[in-house]
Amino acid sequence: MRKTVDPLTTTLLAALGLVWLVLLVAPPAVLLVARQRWLTSVEGAESQMQWDRFRAAMREQAGPQGPVQHKVPKSPEPPLRVWLRDYVWLAVAAWLVLGGTLGLATGLLVVGAVAGRRRDGRRLPSEDQPGRERDHEEQHERDAENAEKR
């Protein structure tokens, strides 16, 4: 017996694959396009002065006279600059691996749920368990027998 593929399932699978691919590629692409503009904005003198002022304030509050004990950041550069320059590829790789895996698993679950239904909305009988379509009738008969025994 040859199994036929439902056109709705094929269309859904193609649409989910396209959505998955767009969601997998678009965020890293936007990040990489915007990266240069952000790097330009954080490499300016104003950004460095703000970071230096912040480190100086943390240094003042690091002693016992401050209201809270702060740890002074060690980096002489703002963290956003370091991240955009040195670690953006790590973020892209993490997105591709984690986001791709999660999206693929979710898509497969949706396709499996949709493919397991007939057009009229009823569940398909399991192919590896022939004759299981009468289970509900047999259960009803057993329930009636059990009720009589009580």
C-alpha atoms as a PDB file:
ATOM      1  CA  MET A   1       0.000   0.000   0.000  1.00  0.00           C
ATOM      2  CA  ARG A   2       1.473   3.306  -1.064  1.00  0.00           C
ATOM      3  CA  LYS A   3       0.986   6.283   1.194  1.00  0.00           C
ATOM      4  CA  THR A   4      -0.163   9.469  -0.544  1.00  0.00           C
ATOM      5  CA  VAL A   5       1.079  12.838   0.585  1.00  0.00           C
ATOM      6  CA  ASP A   6      -1.575  15.386   1.400  1.00  0.00           C
ATOM      7  CA  PRO A   7      -1.069  18.648  -0.575  1.00  0.00           C
ATOM      8  CA  LEU A   8      -1.978  20.635   2.551  1.00  0.00           C
ATOM      9  CA  THR A   9       0.847  18.942   4.442  1.00  0.00           C
ATOM     10  CA  THR A  10       3.290  19.626   1.621  1.00  0.00           C
ATOM     11  CA  THR A  11       2.268  23.292   1.483  1.00  0.00           C
ATOM     12  CA  LEU A  12       2.507  23.615   5.262  1.00  0.00           C
ATOM     13  CA  LEU A  13       5.913  21.975   5.283  1.00  0.00           C
ATOM     14  CA  ALA A  14       7.178  24.329   2.566  1.00  0.00           C
ATOM     15  CA  ALA A  15       5.762  27.404   4.347  1.00  0.00           C
ATOM     16  CA  LEU A  16       7.237  26.376   7.687  1.00  0.00           C
ATOM     17  CA  GLY A  17      10.583  25.701   6.058  1.00  0.00           C
ATOM     18  CA  LEU A  18      10.567  29.152   4.491  1.00  0.00           C
ATOM     19  CA  VAL A  19       9.556  30.858   7.754  1.00  0.00           C
ATOM     20  CA  TRP A  20      12.225  28.882   9.636  1.00  0.00           C
ATOM     21  CA  LEU A  21      14.885  29.904   7.120  1.00  0.00           C
ATOM     22  CA  VAL A  22      13.902  33.590   7.255  1.00  0.00           C
ATOM     23  CA  LEU A  23      13.884  33.576  11.075  1.00  0.00           C
ATOM     24  CA  LEU A  24      17.226  31.832  11.071  1.00  0.00           C
ATOM     25  CA  VAL A  25      18.954  34.213   8.648  1.00  0.00           C
ATOM     26  CA  ALA A  26      17.260  37.604   9.217  1.00  0.00           C
ATOM     27  CA  PRO A  27      18.379  38.453  12.799  1.00  0.00           C
ATOM     28  CA  PRO A  28      22.083  37.735  12.190  1.00  0.00           C
ATOM     29  CA  ALA A  29      21.900  39.633   8.892  1.00  0.00           C
ATOM     30  CA  VAL A  30      20.338  42.667  10.601  1.00  0.00           C
ATOM     31  CA  LEU A  31      22.960  42.484  13.355  1.00  0.00           C
ATOM     32  CA  LEU A  32      25.826  42.348  10.888  1.00  0.00           C
ATOM     33  CA  VAL A  33      24.410  45.228   8.823  1.00  0.00           C
ATOM     34  CA  ALA A  34      23.824  47.418  11.890  1.00  0.00           C
ATOM     35  CA  ARG A  35      27.130  46.380  13.500  1.00  0.00           C
ATOM     36  CA  GLN A  36      29.287  48.832  11.553  1.00  0.00           C
ATOM     37  CA  ARG A  37      26.989  51.757  12.350  1.00  0.00           C
ATOM     38  CA  TRP A  38      26.957  50.832  16.061  1.00  0.00           C
ATOM     39  CA  LEU A  39      30.729  50.415  16.111  1.00  0.00           C
ATOM     40  CA  THR A  40      31.115  53.888  14.621  1.00  0.00           C
ATOM     41  CA  SER A  41      28.870  55.365  17.321  1.00  0.00           C
ATOM     42  CA  VAL A  42      30.643  53.646  20.254  1.00  0.00           C
ATOM     43  CA  GLU A  43      34.168  54.342  18.967  1.00  0.00           C
ATOM     44  CA  GLY A  44      33.710  58.076  19.370  1.00  0.00           C
ATOM     45  CA  ALA A  45      35.352  60.163  22.057  1.00  0.00           C
ATOM     46  CA  GLU A  46      32.009  60.846  23.794  1.00  0.00           C
ATOM     47  CA  SER A  47      31.358  57.153  24.351  1.00  0.00           C
ATOM     48  CA  GLN A  48      34.864  56.661  25.760  1.00  0.00           C
ATOM     49  CA  MET A  49      34.449  59.663  28.085  1.00  0.00           C
ATOM     50  CA  GLN A  50      31.152  58.279  29.412  1.00  0.00           C
ATOM     51  CA  TRP A  51      32.807  54.928  30.070  1.00  0.00           C
ATOM     52  CA  ASP A  52      35.754  56.582  31.824  1.00  0.00           C
ATOM     53  CA  ARG A  53      33.373  58.641  34.006  1.00  0.00           C
ATOM     54  CA  PHE A  54      31.459  55.475  34.899  1.00  0.00           C
ATOM     55  CA  ARG A  55      34.660  53.625  35.860  1.00  0.00           C
ATOM     56  CA  ALA A  56      35.787  56.597  37.963  1.00  0.00           C
ATOM     57  CA  ALA A  57      32.442  56.640  39.789  1.00  0.00           C
ATOM     58  CA  MET A  58      32.724  52.898  40.440  1.00  0.00           C
ATOM     59  CA  ARG A  59      36.294  53.393  41.708  1.00  0.00           C
ATOM     60  CA  GLU A  60      35.053  56.044  44.172  1.00  0.00           C
ATOM     61  CA  GLN A  61      32.286  53.770  45.435  1.00  0.00           C
ATOM     62  CA  ALA A  62      34.523  50.703  45.640  1.00  0.00           C
ATOM     63  CA  GLY A  63      35.961  51.767  48.979  1.00  0.00           C
ATOM     64  CA  PRO A  64      34.294  51.533  52.392  1.00  0.00           C
ATOM     65  CA  GLN A  65      32.932  55.097  52.131  1.00  0.00           C
ATOM     66  CA  GLY A  66      30.516  54.218  49.253  1.00  0.00           C
ATOM     67  CA  PRO A  67      26.881  53.227  49.870  1.00  0.00           C
ATOM     68  CA  VAL A  68      27.391  49.884  48.124  1.00  0.00           C
ATOM     69  CA  GLN A  69      30.560  47.944  47.418  1.00  0.00           C
ATOM     70  CA  HIS A  70      31.083  48.078  43.649  1.00  0.00           C
ATOM     71  CA  LYS A  71      33.578  46.162  41.586  1.00  0.00           C
ATOM     72  CA  VAL A  72      35.476  48.432  39.194  1.00  0.00           C
ATOM     73  CA  PRO A  73      35.274  47.211  35.580  1.00  0.00           C
ATOM     74  CA  LYS A  74      38.717  46.174  34.332  1.00  0.00           C
ATOM     75  CA  SER A  75      38.168  46.912  30.655  1.00  0.00           C
ATOM     76  CA  PRO A  76      39.441  50.308  29.469  1.00  0.00           C
ATOM     77  CA  GLU A  77      36.894  50.133  26.619  1.00  0.00           C
ATOM     78  CA  PRO A  78      33.093  50.179  26.767  1.00  0.00           C
ATOM     79  CA  PRO A  79      31.678  46.613  26.822  1.00  0.00           C
ATOM     80  CA  LEU A  80      29.451  47.215  23.787  1.00  0.00           C
ATOM     81  CA  ARG A  81      32.483  48.147  21.701  1.00  0.00           C
ATOM     82  CA  VAL A  82      34.350  45.020  22.794  1.00  0.00           C
ATOM     83  CA  TRP A  83      31.325  42.808  22.132  1.00  0.00           C
ATOM     84  CA  LEU A  84      30.612  44.267  18.681  1.00  0.00           C
ATOM     85  CA  ARG A  85      34.260  44.088  17.669  1.00  0.00           C
ATOM     86  CA  ASP A  86      35.344  40.738  19.157  1.00  0.00           C
ATOM     87  CA  TYR A  87      32.314  38.580  19.983  1.00  0.00           C
ATOM     88  CA  VAL A  88      29.612  39.269  17.412  1.00  0.00           C
ATOM     89  CA  TRP A  89      30.475  36.075  15.516  1.00  0.00           C
ATOM     90  CA  LEU A  90      29.926  34.061  18.681  1.00  0.00           C
ATOM     91  CA  ALA A  91      26.445  35.572  18.980  1.00  0.00           C
ATOM     92  CA  VAL A  92      25.687  34.729  15.327  1.00  0.00           C
ATOM     93  CA  ALA A  93      26.881  31.138  15.787  1.00  0.00           C
ATOM     94  CA  ALA A  94      24.818  30.750  18.970  1.00  0.00           C
ATOM     95  CA  TRP A  95      21.732  32.088  17.188  1.00  0.00           C
ATOM     96  CA  LEU A  96      22.185  29.717  14.265  1.00  0.00           C
ATOM     97  CA  VAL A  97      22.729  26.649  16.445  1.00  0.00           C
ATOM     98  CA  LEU A  98      20.210  27.276  19.217  1.00  0.00           C
ATOM     99  CA  GLY A  99      17.569  29.150  17.241  1.00  0.00           C
ATOM    100  CA  GLY A 100      17.859  26.781  14.304  1.00  0.00           C
ATOM    101  CA  THR A 101      17.487  23.695  16.452  1.00  0.00           C
ATOM    102  CA  LEU A 102      14.528  25.062  18.397  1.00  0.00           C
ATOM    103  CA  GLY A 103      12.802  26.300  15.247  1.00  0.00           C
ATOM    104  CA  LEU A 104      13.341  23.016  13.441  1.00  0.00           C
ATOM    105  CA  ALA A 105      11.977  20.981  16.359  1.00  0.00           C
ATOM    106  CA  THR A 106       8.919  23.213  16.665  1.00  0.00           C
ATOM    107  CA  GLY A 107       8.253  23.026  12.934  1.00  0.00           C
ATOM    108  CA  LEU A 108       8.498  19.241  12.954  1.00  0.00           C
ATOM    109  CA  LEU A 109       6.025  19.072  15.853  1.00  0.00           C
ATOM    110  CA  VAL A 110       3.544  21.269  13.986  1.00  0.00           C
ATOM    111  CA  VAL A 111       3.908  19.274  10.765  1.00  0.00           C
ATOM    112  CA  GLY A 112       3.469  16.004  12.658  1.00  0.00           C
ATOM    113  CA  ALA A 113       0.329  17.283  14.350  1.00  0.00           C
ATOM    114  CA  VAL A 114      -1.201  18.510  11.099  1.00  0.00           C
ATOM    115  CA  ALA A 115      -0.147  15.497   9.027  1.00  0.00           C
ATOM    116  CA  GLY A 116      -1.794  13.119  11.502  1.00  0.00           C
ATOM    117  CA  ARG A 117      -5.303  14.387  10.721  1.00  0.00           C
ATOM    118  CA  ARG A 118      -7.683  13.606   7.894  1.00  0.00           C
ATOM    119  CA  ARG A 119      -9.383  16.319   5.919  1.00  0.00           C
ATOM    120  CA  ASP A 120     -12.559  15.739   7.932  1.00  0.00           C
ATOM    121  CA  GLY A 121     -10.645  16.354  11.176  1.00  0.00           C
ATOM    122  CA  ARG A 122     -10.578  12.743  12.460  1.00  0.00           C
ATOM    123  CA  ARG A 123      -7.349  11.065  13.503  1.00  0.00           C
ATOM    124  CA  LEU A 124      -5.765   8.644  11.067  1.00  0.00           C
ATOM    125  CA  PRO A 125      -5.563   5.043  12.299  1.00  0.00           C
ATOM    126  CA  SER A 126      -2.038   4.046  13.180  1.00  0.00           C
ATOM    127  CA  GLU A 127      -0.355   2.222  10.295  1.00  0.00           C
ATOM    128  CA  ASP A 128       1.814   0.086  12.522  1.00  0.00           C
ATOM    129  CA  GLN A 129      -1.178  -1.163  14.537  1.00  0.00           C
ATOM    130  CA  PRO A 130      -3.793  -2.499  12.090  1.00  0.00           C
ATOM    131  CA  GLY A 131      -7.323  -2.889  13.332  1.00  0.00           C
ATOM    132  CA  ARG A 132      -7.016  -0.233  16.029  1.00  0.00           C
ATOM    133  CA  GLU A 133      -9.851   1.830  14.576  1.00  0.00           C
ATOM    134  CA  ARG A 134     -12.364  -0.289  16.581  1.00  0.00           C
ATOM    135  CA  ASP A 135     -10.705   0.335  19.953  1.00  0.00           C
ATOM    136  CA  HIS A 136     -13.386   2.745  21.110  1.00  0.00           C
ATOM    137  CA  GLU A 137     -16.135   0.185  20.380  1.00  0.00           C
ATOM    138  CA  GLU A 138     -14.270  -2.546  22.264  1.00  0.00           C
ATOM    139  CA  GLN A 139     -13.711  -0.200  25.213  1.00  0.00           C
ATOM    140  CA  HIS A 140     -17.410   0.662  25.254  1.00  0.00           C
ATOM    141  CA  GLU A 141     -18.296  -3.070  25.355  1.00  0.00           C
ATOM    142  CA  ARG A 142     -15.816  -3.694  28.200  1.00  0.00           C
ATOM    143  CA  ASP A 143     -17.247  -0.756  30.128  1.00  0.00           C
ATOM    144  CA  ALA A 144     -20.761  -2.189  29.735  1.00  0.00           C
ATOM    145  CA  GLU A 145     -19.594  -5.628  30.919  1.00  0.00           C
ATOM    146  CA  ASN A 146     -17.857  -4.148  33.926  1.00  0.00           C
ATOM    147  CA  ALA A 147     -20.973  -2.166  34.830  1.00  0.00           C
ATOM    148  CA  GLU A 148     -23.071  -5.364  34.715  1.00  0.00           C
ATOM    149  CA  LYS A 149     -20.625  -7.236  36.971  1.00  0.00           C
ATOM    150  CA  ARG A 150     -20.891  -4.587  39.669  1.00  0.00           C
END
